[in-house]
Amino acid sequence: MGLSGGRQCGAVRFRVEGEPQRASICWCRMCQKAFGGPFGALVTVKVADLTWTRGQRATFRSSDAIQRGFCAACGTPLTFEWSADKIDLAVFAFDDPSAVEPGVQLAVASRPAWMDHLADMPVRPPMGPTGAVVSRQHPDHDTPPT
């Protein structure tokens, strides 16, 4: 099984061969801050199964035990590095995030109470194509180097 992915701008791309391991949603404050959202969705892969196919990640040591990778060009989060032979990748960095379904939640004590009612919130109907926004994000597939 091979899965590819990359960052918002396309400057960093990767490919994972082999089966991903544990996928999780982490509610800890470090993940909330690193992802700029209510949680970090991460999946563990073997370092030996990971190939950086375009660019390299920049890193930030977020604690004495953890290094986090991100794209230096656009700033979006990419990795949670805690082991010499395993690495966690951001689930939504994959071209098809639905292929990596989280199976466990971590650090739920930091989950905001309002998340319990998220499914009950009103949903705004789609506004349809207006042509007002032109996406500059990299497509969800590999492209030739520029």
Protein backbone atom coordinates (compact mmCIF):
# COMPACT_ATOMS: atom_id res chain seq x y z
CA MET A 1 0.00 0.00 0.00
CA GLY A 2 1.44 3.39 -0.94
CA LEU A 3 0.09 6.75 0.20
CA SER A 4 1.36 10.14 -0.87
CA GLY A 5 0.86 13.60 0.52
CA GLY A 6 2.36 16.99 1.03
CA ARG A 7 1.89 20.48 2.29
CA GLN A 8 -0.41 23.24 1.23
CA CYS A 9 2.06 24.90 -1.13
CA GLY A 10 3.57 21.71 -2.59
CA ALA A 11 7.14 22.56 -1.53
CA VAL A 12 7.31 19.40 0.60
CA ARG A 13 5.91 16.05 -0.60
CA PHE A 14 6.22 12.52 0.76
CA ARG A 15 5.31 8.91 0.04
CA VAL A 16 4.68 6.11 2.54
CA GLU A 17 5.04 2.48 1.49
CA GLY A 18 3.63 -0.20 3.75
CA GLU A 19 0.77 -0.04 6.18
CA PRO A 20 0.34 3.01 8.38
CA GLN A 21 0.17 2.12 12.06
CA ARG A 22 -1.91 3.82 14.78
CA ALA A 23 -3.89 6.85 13.65
CA SER A 24 -5.09 9.15 16.43
CA ILE A 25 -6.65 12.46 17.30
CA CYS A 26 -4.63 14.25 19.96
CA TRP A 27 -6.32 16.99 22.00
CA CYS A 28 -3.23 18.06 24.00
CA ARG A 29 -2.42 21.78 24.15
CA MET A 30 0.84 21.29 22.24
CA CYS A 31 -1.04 19.71 19.30
CA GLN A 32 -3.74 22.37 19.47
CA LYS A 33 -1.13 25.09 19.21
CA ALA A 34 0.97 23.31 16.58
CA PHE A 35 -2.04 22.66 14.33
CA GLY A 36 -3.85 25.92 15.14
CA GLY A 37 -7.02 23.93 15.75
CA PRO A 38 -8.89 21.86 18.33
CA PHE A 39 -6.73 18.73 17.75
CA GLY A 40 -3.92 17.18 15.79
CA ALA A 41 -4.81 14.17 13.63
CA LEU A 42 -1.69 12.01 13.30
CA VAL A 43 -0.72 8.60 11.97
CA THR A 44 2.39 6.62 12.88
CA VAL A 45 4.55 5.22 10.07
CA LYS A 46 7.93 3.54 10.03
CA VAL A 47 10.73 5.96 9.14
CA ALA A 48 12.06 3.25 6.78
CA ASP A 49 8.72 3.36 4.88
CA LEU A 50 8.79 7.17 4.44
CA THR A 51 10.38 8.92 1.46
CA TRP A 52 10.53 12.68 1.07
CA THR A 53 9.82 13.07 -2.66
CA ARG A 54 10.07 16.87 -2.82
CA GLY A 55 11.78 19.27 -0.44
CA GLN A 56 12.47 18.73 3.25
CA ARG A 57 10.61 19.70 6.37
CA ALA A 58 11.81 22.34 8.80
CA THR A 59 11.62 21.39 12.48
CA PHE A 60 10.84 22.90 15.86
CA ARG A 61 11.58 21.15 19.17
CA SER A 62 8.27 21.62 21.00
CA SER A 63 9.41 19.75 24.12
CA ASP A 64 12.40 17.85 25.43
CA ALA A 65 11.04 14.66 23.82
CA ILE A 66 9.25 15.89 20.69
CA GLN A 67 10.31 17.55 17.47
CA ARG A 68 7.63 18.81 15.07
CA GLY A 69 8.10 19.18 11.34
CA PHE A 70 6.46 21.81 9.16
CA CYS A 71 6.81 23.36 5.74
CA ALA A 72 9.18 26.34 5.87
CA ALA A 73 7.55 27.82 2.74
CA CYS A 74 3.91 27.91 3.90
CA GLY A 75 4.15 27.06 7.62
CA THR A 76 1.67 24.22 7.72
CA PRO A 77 2.29 21.32 10.17
CA LEU A 78 3.60 18.00 8.93
CA THR A 79 5.23 15.71 11.54
CA PHE A 80 5.33 14.73 15.20
CA GLU A 81 8.72 13.12 15.79
CA TRP A 82 9.19 11.04 18.93
CA SER A 83 11.19 7.95 17.94
CA ALA A 84 14.27 7.03 15.89
CA ASP A 85 12.39 4.42 13.84
CA LYS A 86 8.80 5.81 13.79
CA ILE A 87 7.34 9.18 12.86
CA ASP A 88 3.82 10.56 12.99
CA LEU A 89 2.50 12.36 9.91
CA ALA A 90 -0.41 14.79 9.85
CA VAL A 91 -3.44 12.85 8.58
CA PHE A 92 -4.70 15.80 6.55
CA ALA A 93 -1.34 16.12 4.79
CA PHE A 94 -2.19 12.95 2.86
CA ASP A 95 -3.70 13.39 -0.60
CA ASP A 96 -6.57 11.15 0.55
CA PRO A 97 -6.99 11.72 4.30
CA SER A 98 -9.99 9.37 4.39
CA ALA A 99 -7.54 6.49 3.76
CA VAL A 100 -6.07 7.07 7.24
CA GLU A 101 -8.94 6.91 9.72
CA PRO A 102 -8.09 7.69 13.36
CA GLY A 103 -9.03 4.93 15.79
CA VAL A 104 -8.21 6.51 19.16
CA GLN A 105 -8.38 9.89 20.92
CA LEU A 106 -5.54 11.07 23.16
CA ALA A 107 -5.39 13.74 25.91
CA VAL A 108 -9.18 14.22 25.93
CA ALA A 109 -8.96 16.36 29.08
CA SER A 110 -7.87 19.23 26.79
CA ARG A 111 -10.80 18.79 24.40
CA PRO A 112 -12.93 21.97 24.39
CA ALA A 113 -16.40 21.35 25.83
CA TRP A 114 -18.03 22.86 22.75
CA MET A 115 -16.70 19.99 20.62
CA ASP A 116 -19.32 17.73 22.24
CA HIS A 117 -22.02 19.73 20.39
CA LEU A 118 -20.28 20.21 17.05
CA ALA A 119 -22.67 17.91 15.18
CA ASP A 120 -25.62 19.96 16.49
CA MET A 121 -24.37 23.26 15.07
CA PRO A 122 -26.24 24.69 12.08
CA VAL A 123 -24.58 24.08 8.73
CA ARG A 124 -24.40 26.94 6.25
CA PRO A 125 -25.42 25.77 2.78
CA PRO A 126 -22.71 25.85 0.11
CA MET A 127 -22.37 29.20 -1.58
CA GLY A 128 -21.58 27.62 -4.94
CA PRO A 129 -18.82 28.59 -7.35
CA THR A 130 -18.49 32.35 -7.30
CA GLY A 131 -15.13 32.74 -8.99
CA ALA A 132 -14.14 35.14 -6.21
CA VAL A 133 -11.51 32.82 -4.72
CA VAL A 134 -8.62 31.39 -6.69
CA SER A 135 -6.91 28.57 -4.81
CA ARG A 136 -3.12 28.58 -4.76
CA GLN A 137 -2.92 25.30 -2.88
CA HIS A 138 -1.07 22.36 -4.35
CA PRO A 139 -3.46 19.73 -5.79
CA ASP A 140 -3.95 16.44 -3.96
CA HIS A 141 -1.56 14.49 -6.18
CA ASP A 142 2.10 14.48 -7.21
CA THR A 143 3.10 16.99 -9.86
CA PRO A 144 6.34 17.54 -11.77
CA PRO A 145 8.90 19.73 -9.98
CA THR A 146 8.75 23.40 -10.92
